[in-house]
Amino acid sequence: MTSLPQAKRFNWSNLGLRVASAAVMGPAVLVAAWFGGWPFLVLIAVGVALLSIEWGGMSAPRAPTRISGAVTVAVLAAVFLSYQGHDLLAWGAVVAGALAAALVARGVAERPADAAFGVAYIAPACVCLIWLRSTNQGEWWTLMLFLVTWSADIGAFAVGSALKGPKLWPRFSPNKTWSGFVGGLGCAALMGALIALPSALDIPLPQAVMPGFQLNLWAAALIGLAVGLATMAGDLWESALKRRFGVKDSGDLIPGHGGLLDRVDGLMFAVVVMAIARLANQWGWGH
């Protein structure tokens, strides 16, 4: 029986840049998410514009500006509708925006399906993120989203680098391993449980710190596991997209990481799963 190919060695030369970039971006994202309001909206709007620019550059090399503009307008329309509490209209705007982007692409001799998919790829994550933060104790659910997603990424990198072993999906992502996959899932589940631990153990905390945040410990671990799995899936999906478009990175915005899409690929899947978990929690699951 032929053994699976071993993963390539990680390029450690840009590790310092990766850590520095994360140290700058991470706290800024957490602060904006915690306080919500217009800083959070501005953060998302800027992210939408940057992601749309990267998508246009990857998917529409003959007319990147027009496709980027069409995707940006379509996604921002859905984001602003969601921010105003018009969730059904926001999802309708996603569908209408995808169709409009396809028409723009057809008019400039680009592939309509790729332009439409750009809207369908970026918008749902943004709408779910806006909705998640707007729910009761949304700051905690959003914090949990980011911490679990980052834990999955860090755990996968650390365990995969230490243990190496067979590749997870060598055709599209030669550096990802099965050991990293399992390590990432374990770290994500652990982080989910840690966030719910104070309430599960009835540890008294100031109301300003954790005002009645109630989530069953096992439910929190299961959410962490599901969000971690979505993070891995999003990362692999973006690797497949880059292979399809023939690019190494989505861009060069973030030193050591590549483009913004390279940094949030897992988050874009994870936030949808977290939103589903939050909705289930509102219906009584996980208390």
C-alpha atoms as a PDB file:
ATOM      1  CA  MET A   1       0.000   0.000   0.000  1.00  0.00           C
ATOM      2  CA  THR A   2       1.405   3.380  -1.012  1.00  0.00           C
ATOM      3  CA  SER A   3       1.924   5.747   1.926  1.00  0.00           C
ATOM      4  CA  LEU A   4       0.633   9.302   1.846  1.00  0.00           C
ATOM      5  CA  PRO A   5       3.179  11.980   0.853  1.00  0.00           C
ATOM      6  CA  GLN A   6       4.826  13.858   3.669  1.00  0.00           C
ATOM      7  CA  ALA A   7       4.208  17.576   4.156  1.00  0.00           C
ATOM      8  CA  LYS A   8       6.756  20.084   3.009  1.00  0.00           C
ATOM      9  CA  ARG A   9       8.770  21.916   5.615  1.00  0.00           C
ATOM     10  CA  PHE A  10       7.344  25.217   6.731  1.00  0.00           C
ATOM     11  CA  ASN A  11       9.244  28.326   5.695  1.00  0.00           C
ATOM     12  CA  TRP A  12      10.289  29.781   9.051  1.00  0.00           C
ATOM     13  CA  SER A  13      11.983  32.838   7.556  1.00  0.00           C
ATOM     14  CA  ASN A  14       8.842  35.004   7.722  1.00  0.00           C
ATOM     15  CA  LEU A  15       7.625  33.819  11.132  1.00  0.00           C
ATOM     16  CA  GLY A  16       8.616  37.127  12.760  1.00  0.00           C
ATOM     17  CA  LEU A  17       6.557  39.072  10.222  1.00  0.00           C
ATOM     18  CA  ARG A  18       3.573  36.771  10.794  1.00  0.00           C
ATOM     19  CA  VAL A  19       3.724  37.227  14.559  1.00  0.00           C
ATOM     20  CA  ALA A  20       4.144  41.005  14.293  1.00  0.00           C
ATOM     21  CA  SER A  21       1.213  41.311  11.894  1.00  0.00           C
ATOM     22  CA  ALA A  22      -0.996  39.224  14.174  1.00  0.00           C
ATOM     23  CA  ALA A  23       0.069  41.257  17.222  1.00  0.00           C
ATOM     24  CA  VAL A  24      -1.085  44.461  15.521  1.00  0.00           C
ATOM     25  CA  MET A  25      -4.267  43.196  13.887  1.00  0.00           C
ATOM     26  CA  GLY A  26      -5.571  40.920  16.644  1.00  0.00           C
ATOM     27  CA  PRO A  27      -6.093  43.499  19.427  1.00  0.00           C
ATOM     28  CA  ALA A  28      -7.605  46.013  16.991  1.00  0.00           C
ATOM     29  CA  VAL A  29     -10.163  43.457  15.812  1.00  0.00           C
ATOM     30  CA  LEU A  30     -11.033  42.387  19.365  1.00  0.00           C
ATOM     31  CA  VAL A  31     -11.509  45.965  20.575  1.00  0.00           C
ATOM     32  CA  ALA A  32     -13.775  46.849  17.647  1.00  0.00           C
ATOM     33  CA  ALA A  33     -15.784  43.651  18.098  1.00  0.00           C
ATOM     34  CA  TRP A  34     -16.157  44.162  21.849  1.00  0.00           C
ATOM     35  CA  PHE A  35     -17.438  47.727  21.657  1.00  0.00           C
ATOM     36  CA  GLY A  36     -19.466  47.177  18.475  1.00  0.00           C
ATOM     37  CA  GLY A  37     -21.286  50.149  16.966  1.00  0.00           C
ATOM     38  CA  TRP A  38     -19.782  52.199  14.178  1.00  0.00           C
ATOM     39  CA  PRO A  39     -16.134  51.130  14.811  1.00  0.00           C
ATOM     40  CA  PHE A  40     -17.165  47.529  14.172  1.00  0.00           C
ATOM     41  CA  LEU A  41     -19.166  48.548  11.096  1.00  0.00           C
ATOM     42  CA  VAL A  42     -16.225  50.536   9.711  1.00  0.00           C
ATOM     43  CA  LEU A  43     -13.892  47.590  10.314  1.00  0.00           C
ATOM     44  CA  ILE A  44     -16.190  45.287   8.360  1.00  0.00           C
ATOM     45  CA  ALA A  45     -16.723  47.827   5.563  1.00  0.00           C
ATOM     46  CA  VAL A  46     -12.974  48.276   5.116  1.00  0.00           C
ATOM     47  CA  GLY A  47     -12.544  44.507   5.143  1.00  0.00           C
ATOM     48  CA  VAL A  48     -15.241  44.129   2.480  1.00  0.00           C
ATOM     49  CA  ALA A  49     -13.499  46.625   0.207  1.00  0.00           C
ATOM     50  CA  LEU A  50     -10.113  44.919   0.604  1.00  0.00           C
ATOM     51  CA  LEU A  51     -11.528  41.423   0.106  1.00  0.00           C
ATOM     52  CA  SER A  52     -13.393  42.579  -3.000  1.00  0.00           C
ATOM     53  CA  ILE A  53     -10.225  44.093  -4.442  1.00  0.00           C
ATOM     54  CA  GLU A  54      -8.377  40.822  -3.872  1.00  0.00           C
ATOM     55  CA  TRP A  55     -11.237  38.834  -5.396  1.00  0.00           C
ATOM     56  CA  GLY A  56     -11.297  41.040  -8.476  1.00  0.00           C
ATOM     57  CA  GLY A  57      -7.550  40.682  -8.880  1.00  0.00           C
ATOM     58  CA  MET A  58      -7.693  36.893  -8.633  1.00  0.00           C
ATOM     59  CA  SER A  59     -10.842  36.135 -10.599  1.00  0.00           C
ATOM     60  CA  ALA A  60     -10.990  38.908 -13.199  1.00  0.00           C
ATOM     61  CA  PRO A  61      -7.477  39.843 -14.393  1.00  0.00           C
ATOM     62  CA  ARG A  62      -8.802  41.680 -17.464  1.00  0.00           C
ATOM     63  CA  ALA A  63     -11.157  43.974 -15.540  1.00  0.00           C
ATOM     64  CA  PRO A  64     -10.276  43.733 -11.825  1.00  0.00           C
ATOM     65  CA  THR A  65     -11.408  47.261 -10.913  1.00  0.00           C
ATOM     66  CA  ARG A  66     -14.932  46.896 -12.293  1.00  0.00           C
ATOM     67  CA  ILE A  67     -15.468  43.479 -10.755  1.00  0.00           C
ATOM     68  CA  SER A  68     -14.045  44.620  -7.420  1.00  0.00           C
ATOM     69  CA  GLY A  69     -16.336  47.649  -7.466  1.00  0.00           C
ATOM     70  CA  ALA A  70     -19.405  45.556  -8.281  1.00  0.00           C
ATOM     71  CA  VAL A  71     -18.649  43.051  -5.521  1.00  0.00           C
ATOM     72  CA  THR A  72     -17.926  45.825  -3.006  1.00  0.00           C
ATOM     73  CA  VAL A  73     -21.208  47.632  -3.673  1.00  0.00           C
ATOM     74  CA  ALA A  74     -23.216  44.409  -3.541  1.00  0.00           C
ATOM     75  CA  VAL A  75     -21.700  43.207  -0.266  1.00  0.00           C
ATOM     76  CA  LEU A  76     -21.832  46.625   1.430  1.00  0.00           C
ATOM     77  CA  ALA A  77     -25.520  46.937   0.575  1.00  0.00           C
ATOM     78  CA  ALA A  78     -26.178  43.686   2.433  1.00  0.00           C
ATOM     79  CA  VAL A  79     -23.928  44.744   5.331  1.00  0.00           C
ATOM     80  CA  PHE A  80     -25.671  48.094   5.871  1.00  0.00           C
ATOM     81  CA  LEU A  81     -29.119  46.497   5.663  1.00  0.00           C
ATOM     82  CA  SER A  82     -28.071  43.928   8.273  1.00  0.00           C
ATOM     83  CA  TYR A  83     -26.607  46.646  10.502  1.00  0.00           C
ATOM     84  CA  GLN A  84     -29.980  48.437  10.400  1.00  0.00           C
ATOM     85  CA  GLY A  85     -31.701  45.229  11.508  1.00  0.00           C
ATOM     86  CA  HIS A  86     -33.239  44.360   8.127  1.00  0.00           C
ATOM     87  CA  ASP A  87     -31.940  40.801   8.012  1.00  0.00           C
ATOM     88  CA  LEU A  88     -34.335  39.423   5.390  1.00  0.00           C
ATOM     89  CA  LEU A  89     -33.625  42.378   3.107  1.00  0.00           C
ATOM     90  CA  ALA A  90     -29.911  41.821   3.670  1.00  0.00           C
ATOM     91  CA  TRP A  91     -30.110  38.238   2.424  1.00  0.00           C
ATOM     92  CA  GLY A  92     -32.208  39.386  -0.506  1.00  0.00           C
ATOM     93  CA  ALA A  93     -29.504  41.938  -1.290  1.00  0.00           C
ATOM     94  CA  VAL A  94     -26.925  39.129  -1.373  1.00  0.00           C
ATOM     95  CA  VAL A  95     -28.871  37.339  -4.104  1.00  0.00           C
ATOM     96  CA  ALA A  96     -29.583  40.539  -6.051  1.00  0.00           C
ATOM     97  CA  GLY A  97     -25.973  41.694  -5.685  1.00  0.00           C
ATOM     98  CA  ALA A  98     -24.624  38.392  -6.984  1.00  0.00           C
ATOM     99  CA  LEU A  99     -26.825  38.690 -10.063  1.00  0.00           C
ATOM    100  CA  ALA A 100     -25.793  42.310 -10.601  1.00  0.00           C
ATOM    101  CA  ALA A 101     -22.090  41.420 -10.309  1.00  0.00           C
ATOM    102  CA  ALA A 102     -22.585  38.668 -12.873  1.00  0.00           C
ATOM    103  CA  LEU A 103     -24.124  41.172 -15.294  1.00  0.00           C
ATOM    104  CA  VAL A 104     -21.190  43.546 -14.803  1.00  0.00           C
ATOM    105  CA  ALA A 105     -18.731  40.722 -15.460  1.00  0.00           C
ATOM    106  CA  ARG A 106     -20.572  39.721 -18.599  1.00  0.00           C
ATOM    107  CA  GLY A 107     -20.369  43.300 -19.841  1.00  0.00           C
ATOM    108  CA  VAL A 108     -16.558  43.374 -19.517  1.00  0.00           C
ATOM    109  CA  ALA A 109     -15.924  39.896 -20.949  1.00  0.00           C
ATOM    110  CA  GLU A 110     -15.182  38.269 -17.598  1.00  0.00           C
ATOM    111  CA  ARG A 111     -16.740  35.101 -16.180  1.00  0.00           C
ATOM    112  CA  PRO A 112     -20.140  35.976 -14.645  1.00  0.00           C
ATOM    113  CA  ALA A 113     -20.129  32.956 -12.330  1.00  0.00           C
ATOM    114  CA  ASP A 114     -16.851  34.054 -10.698  1.00  0.00           C
ATOM    115  CA  ALA A 115     -18.157  37.571 -10.042  1.00  0.00           C
ATOM    116  CA  ALA A 116     -21.408  36.231  -8.612  1.00  0.00           C
ATOM    117  CA  PHE A 117     -19.503  33.777  -6.432  1.00  0.00           C
ATOM    118  CA  GLY A 118     -17.385  36.640  -5.075  1.00  0.00           C
ATOM    119  CA  VAL A 119     -20.546  38.184  -3.614  1.00  0.00           C
ATOM    120  CA  ALA A 120     -21.865  34.810  -2.416  1.00  0.00           C
ATOM    121  CA  TYR A 121     -18.477  34.071  -0.813  1.00  0.00           C
ATOM    122  CA  ILE A 122     -17.893  37.343   1.030  1.00  0.00           C
ATOM    123  CA  ALA A 123     -21.386  38.627   1.891  1.00  0.00           C
ATOM    124  CA  PRO A 124     -22.821  35.773   4.020  1.00  0.00           C
ATOM    125  CA  ALA A 125     -19.885  35.892   6.432  1.00  0.00           C
ATOM    126  CA  CYS A 126     -20.256  39.660   6.833  1.00  0.00           C
ATOM    127  CA  VAL A 127     -24.028  39.508   7.339  1.00  0.00           C
ATOM    128  CA  CYS A 128     -23.658  36.691   9.886  1.00  0.00           C
ATOM    129  CA  LEU A 129     -20.949  38.647  11.722  1.00  0.00           C
ATOM    130  CA  ILE A 130     -23.148  41.758  11.952  1.00  0.00           C
ATOM    131  CA  TRP A 131     -26.088  39.674  13.189  1.00  0.00           C
ATOM    132  CA  LEU A 132     -23.975  37.729  15.714  1.00  0.00           C
ATOM    133  CA  ARG A 133     -22.682  40.937  17.300  1.00  0.00           C
ATOM    134  CA  SER A 134     -26.206  42.413  17.489  1.00  0.00           C
ATOM    135  CA  THR A 135     -27.646  39.531  19.527  1.00  0.00           C
ATOM    136  CA  ASN A 136     -27.926  39.478  23.307  1.00  0.00           C
ATOM    137  CA  GLN A 137     -24.398  39.234  24.715  1.00  0.00           C
ATOM    138  CA  GLY A 138     -23.180  39.394  21.148  1.00  0.00           C
ATOM    139  CA  GLU A 139     -19.834  40.750  22.293  1.00  0.00           C
ATOM    140  CA  TRP A 140     -19.114  37.437  24.011  1.00  0.00           C
ATOM    141  CA  TRP A 141     -20.247  35.313  21.103  1.00  0.00           C
ATOM    142  CA  THR A 142     -18.143  37.382  18.722  1.00  0.00           C
ATOM    143  CA  LEU A 143     -15.152  37.156  21.050  1.00  0.00           C
ATOM    144  CA  MET A 144     -15.643  33.404  21.209  1.00  0.00           C
ATOM    145  CA  LEU A 145     -15.731  33.261  17.400  1.00  0.00           C
ATOM    146  CA  PHE A 146     -12.388  34.999  17.006  1.00  0.00           C
ATOM    147  CA  LEU A 147     -10.629  33.166  19.843  1.00  0.00           C
ATOM    148  CA  VAL A 148     -11.793  29.730  18.688  1.00  0.00           C
ATOM    149  CA  THR A 149     -10.887  30.470  15.054  1.00  0.00           C
ATOM    150  CA  TRP A 150      -7.444  31.724  15.981  1.00  0.00           C
ATOM    151  CA  SER A 151      -6.924  28.756  18.323  1.00  0.00           C
ATOM    152  CA  ALA A 152      -7.726  26.375  15.469  1.00  0.00           C
ATOM    153  CA  ASP A 153      -5.214  28.116  13.204  1.00  0.00           C
ATOM    154  CA  ILE A 154      -2.468  28.281  15.838  1.00  0.00           C
ATOM    155  CA  GLY A 155      -3.083  24.728  17.035  1.00  0.00           C
ATOM    156  CA  ALA A 156      -2.984  23.356  13.503  1.00  0.00           C
ATOM    157  CA  PHE A 157       0.248  25.232  12.773  1.00  0.00           C
ATOM    158  CA  ALA A 158       1.973  24.279  16.039  1.00  0.00           C
ATOM    159  CA  VAL A 159       1.002  20.593  16.076  1.00  0.00           C
ATOM    160  CA  GLY A 160       1.499  20.169  12.339  1.00  0.00           C
ATOM    161  CA  SER A 161       4.948  21.787  12.492  1.00  0.00           C
ATOM    162  CA  ALA A 162       5.980  19.638  15.454  1.00  0.00           C
ATOM    163  CA  LEU A 163       4.610  16.261  14.351  1.00  0.00           C
ATOM    164  CA  LYS A 164       4.428  16.686  10.564  1.00  0.00           C
ATOM    165  CA  GLY A 165       3.320  13.417   8.952  1.00  0.00           C
ATOM    166  CA  PRO A 166       0.952  12.700   6.039  1.00  0.00           C
ATOM    167  CA  LYS A 167      -0.551  15.577   4.109  1.00  0.00           C
ATOM    168  CA  LEU A 168      -4.202  16.430   4.587  1.00  0.00           C
ATOM    169  CA  TRP A 169      -4.973  17.445   0.982  1.00  0.00           C
ATOM    170  CA  PRO A 170      -1.739  17.452  -1.019  1.00  0.00           C
ATOM    171  CA  ARG A 171      -3.354  18.437  -4.311  1.00  0.00           C
ATOM    172  CA  PHE A 172      -4.333  21.890  -3.056  1.00  0.00           C
ATOM    173  CA  SER A 173      -2.459  22.498   0.204  1.00  0.00           C
ATOM    174  CA  PRO A 174       0.941  20.777   0.423  1.00  0.00           C
ATOM    175  CA  ASN A 175       1.834  22.109   3.899  1.00  0.00           C
ATOM    176  CA  LYS A 176      -1.264  20.993   5.827  1.00  0.00           C
ATOM    177  CA  THR A 177      -1.097  17.680   7.660  1.00  0.00           C
ATOM    178  CA  TRP A 178      -3.497  15.312   9.395  1.00  0.00           C
ATOM    179  CA  SER A 179      -1.662  15.922  12.670  1.00  0.00           C
ATOM    180  CA  GLY A 180      -2.226  19.662  12.302  1.00  0.00           C
ATOM    181  CA  PHE A 181      -5.880  19.056  11.469  1.00  0.00           C
ATOM    182  CA  VAL A 182      -6.445  17.056  14.657  1.00  0.00           C
ATOM    183  CA  GLY A 183      -4.402  19.516  16.718  1.00  0.00           C
ATOM    184  CA  GLY A 184      -6.382  22.460  15.414  1.00  0.00           C
ATOM    185  CA  LEU A 185      -9.702  20.805  16.238  1.00  0.00           C
ATOM    186  CA  GLY A 186      -8.514  19.959  19.730  1.00  0.00           C
ATOM    187  CA  CYS A 187      -7.374  23.519  20.433  1.00  0.00           C
ATOM    188  CA  ALA A 188     -10.642  24.944  19.082  1.00  0.00           C
ATOM    189  CA  ALA A 189     -12.753  22.676  21.310  1.00  0.00           C
ATOM    190  CA  LEU A 190     -10.565  23.484  24.300  1.00  0.00           C
ATOM    191  CA  MET A 191     -10.865  27.232  23.732  1.00  0.00           C
ATOM    192  CA  GLY A 192     -14.644  26.940  23.457  1.00  0.00           C
ATOM    193  CA  ALA A 193     -14.757  25.103  26.778  1.00  0.00           C
ATOM    194  CA  LEU A 194     -12.426  27.593  28.474  1.00  0.00           C
ATOM    195  CA  ILE A 195     -14.668  30.510  27.557  1.00  0.00           C
ATOM    196  CA  ALA A 196     -17.678  28.815  29.162  1.00  0.00           C
ATOM    197  CA  LEU A 197     -15.732  27.462  32.154  1.00  0.00           C
ATOM    198  CA  PRO A 198     -16.388  30.354  34.600  1.00  0.00           C
ATOM    199  CA  SER A 199     -20.154  30.111  34.240  1.00  0.00           C
ATOM    200  CA  ALA A 200     -20.084  26.306  34.232  1.00  0.00           C
ATOM    201  CA  LEU A 201     -18.166  26.246  37.540  1.00  0.00           C
ATOM    202  CA  ASP A 202     -20.203  29.137  39.016  1.00  0.00           C
ATOM    203  CA  ILE A 203     -17.055  31.215  39.388  1.00  0.00           C
ATOM    204  CA  PRO A 204     -18.222  34.685  40.487  1.00  0.00           C
ATOM    205  CA  LEU A 205     -17.209  37.369  38.034  1.00  0.00           C
ATOM    206  CA  PRO A 206     -18.106  41.072  37.943  1.00  0.00           C
ATOM    207  CA  GLN A 207     -21.246  41.660  35.906  1.00  0.00           C
ATOM    208  CA  ALA A 208     -19.311  44.141  33.773  1.00  0.00           C
ATOM    209  CA  VAL A 209     -16.934  41.318  32.792  1.00  0.00           C
ATOM    210  CA  MET A 210     -19.351  38.475  32.099  1.00  0.00           C
ATOM    211  CA  PRO A 211     -22.965  39.570  32.666  1.00  0.00           C
ATOM    212  CA  GLY A 212     -24.814  36.282  32.939  1.00  0.00           C
ATOM    213  CA  PHE A 213     -23.040  34.573  30.032  1.00  0.00           C
ATOM    214  CA  GLN A 214     -24.555  31.099  30.291  1.00  0.00           C
ATOM    215  CA  LEU A 215     -23.389  28.302  28.049  1.00  0.00           C
ATOM    216  CA  ASN A 216     -23.166  24.648  28.939  1.00  0.00           C
ATOM    217  CA  LEU A 217     -19.552  23.455  29.068  1.00  0.00           C
ATOM    218  CA  TRP A 218     -20.132  20.534  26.705  1.00  0.00           C
ATOM    219  CA  ALA A 219     -22.137  22.710  24.329  1.00  0.00           C
ATOM    220  CA  ALA A 220     -19.300  25.244  24.307  1.00  0.00           C
ATOM    221  CA  ALA A 221     -16.751  22.527  23.524  1.00  0.00           C
ATOM    222  CA  LEU A 222     -18.982  21.176  20.749  1.00  0.00           C
ATOM    223  CA  ILE A 223     -19.385  24.677  19.296  1.00  0.00           C
ATOM    224  CA  GLY A 224     -15.614  25.104  19.447  1.00  0.00           C
ATOM    225  CA  LEU A 225     -15.142  21.805  17.623  1.00  0.00           C
ATOM    226  CA  ALA A 226     -17.683  22.724  14.916  1.00  0.00           C
ATOM    227  CA  VAL A 227     -16.230  26.206  14.457  1.00  0.00           C
ATOM    228  CA  GLY A 228     -12.727  24.733  14.313  1.00  0.00           C
ATOM    229  CA  LEU A 229     -13.828  22.276  11.633  1.00  0.00           C
ATOM    230  CA  ALA A 230     -15.370  25.146   9.651  1.00  0.00           C
ATOM    231  CA  THR A 231     -12.119  27.091  10.013  1.00  0.00           C
ATOM    232  CA  MET A 232     -10.136  24.209   8.511  1.00  0.00           C
ATOM    233  CA  ALA A 233     -12.703  23.809   5.722  1.00  0.00           C
ATOM    234  CA  GLY A 234     -12.536  27.512   4.869  1.00  0.00           C
ATOM    235  CA  ASP A 235      -8.755  27.397   4.732  1.00  0.00           C
ATOM    236  CA  LEU A 236      -8.773  24.408   2.404  1.00  0.00           C
ATOM    237  CA  TRP A 237     -11.488  25.941   0.232  1.00  0.00           C
ATOM    238  CA  GLU A 238      -9.449  29.095  -0.299  1.00  0.00           C
ATOM    239  CA  SER A 239      -6.409  26.978  -1.162  1.00  0.00           C
ATOM    240  CA  ALA A 240      -8.503  25.279  -3.851  1.00  0.00           C
ATOM    241  CA  LEU A 241      -9.685  28.661  -5.158  1.00  0.00           C
ATOM    242  CA  LYS A 242      -6.127  29.985  -5.407  1.00  0.00           C
ATOM    243  CA  ARG A 243      -5.076  26.863  -7.261  1.00  0.00           C
ATOM    244  CA  ARG A 244      -8.000  27.351  -9.657  1.00  0.00           C
ATOM    245  CA  PHE A 245      -7.047  30.964 -10.360  1.00  0.00           C
ATOM    246  CA  GLY A 246      -3.322  30.158 -10.529  1.00  0.00           C
ATOM    247  CA  VAL A 247      -2.136  32.441  -7.699  1.00  0.00           C
ATOM    248  CA  LYS A 248       0.028  31.738  -4.658  1.00  0.00           C
ATOM    249  CA  ASP A 249      -1.576  34.354  -2.394  1.00  0.00           C
ATOM    250  CA  SER A 250      -4.741  36.420  -2.666  1.00  0.00           C
ATOM    251  CA  GLY A 251      -2.651  39.570  -2.280  1.00  0.00           C
ATOM    252  CA  ASP A 252       0.288  41.093  -0.410  1.00  0.00           C
ATOM    253  CA  LEU A 253      -1.516  43.382   2.057  1.00  0.00           C
ATOM    254  CA  ILE A 254      -0.411  41.691   5.297  1.00  0.00           C
ATOM    255  CA  PRO A 255       3.323  41.108   5.796  1.00  0.00           C
ATOM    256  CA  GLY A 256       4.059  37.420   6.271  1.00  0.00           C
ATOM    257  CA  HIS A 257       0.480  36.358   5.541  1.00  0.00           C
ATOM    258  CA  GLY A 258      -0.255  37.488   1.979  1.00  0.00           C
ATOM    259  CA  GLY A 259      -3.652  39.018   1.361  1.00  0.00           C
ATOM    260  CA  LEU A 260      -6.531  39.635   3.735  1.00  0.00           C
ATOM    261  CA  LEU A 261      -8.389  36.679   2.255  1.00  0.00           C
ATOM    262  CA  ASP A 262      -5.427  34.479   3.189  1.00  0.00           C
ATOM    263  CA  ARG A 263      -5.886  35.626   6.777  1.00  0.00           C
ATOM    264  CA  VAL A 264      -9.687  35.365   7.122  1.00  0.00           C
ATOM    265  CA  ASP A 265     -10.442  32.389   4.865  1.00  0.00           C
ATOM    266  CA  GLY A 266     -11.236  30.148   7.818  1.00  0.00           C
ATOM    267  CA  LEU A 267     -13.165  32.874   9.615  1.00  0.00           C
ATOM    268  CA  MET A 268     -15.523  33.280   6.654  1.00  0.00           C
ATOM    269  CA  PHE A 269     -16.778  29.716   7.115  1.00  0.00           C
ATOM    270  CA  ALA A 270     -16.490  29.759  10.905  1.00  0.00           C
ATOM    271  CA  VAL A 271     -18.752  32.774  11.435  1.00  0.00           C
ATOM    272  CA  VAL A 272     -21.609  31.065   9.578  1.00  0.00           C
ATOM    273  CA  VAL A 273     -21.324  28.017  11.855  1.00  0.00           C
ATOM    274  CA  MET A 274     -21.123  30.240  14.937  1.00  0.00           C
ATOM    275  CA  ALA A 275     -24.232  32.134  13.828  1.00  0.00           C
ATOM    276  CA  ILE A 276     -26.101  28.830  13.482  1.00  0.00           C
ATOM    277  CA  ALA A 277     -24.947  27.817  16.971  1.00  0.00           C
ATOM    278  CA  ARG A 278     -26.080  31.179  18.369  1.00  0.00           C
ATOM    279  CA  LEU A 279     -29.473  30.776  16.743  1.00  0.00           C
ATOM    280  CA  ALA A 280     -29.819  27.300  18.251  1.00  0.00           C
ATOM    281  CA  ASN A 281     -28.813  28.738  21.642  1.00  0.00           C
ATOM    282  CA  GLN A 282     -31.564  31.350  21.366  1.00  0.00           C
ATOM    283  CA  TRP A 283     -34.018  28.489  20.879  1.00  0.00           C
ATOM    284  CA  GLY A 284     -32.863  26.952  24.168  1.00  0.00           C
ATOM    285  CA  TRP A 285     -29.982  24.656  23.196  1.00  0.00           C
ATOM    286  CA  GLY A 286     -26.780  24.716  25.229  1.00  0.00           C
ATOM    287  CA  HIS A 287     -28.072  26.356  28.420  1.00  0.00           C
END
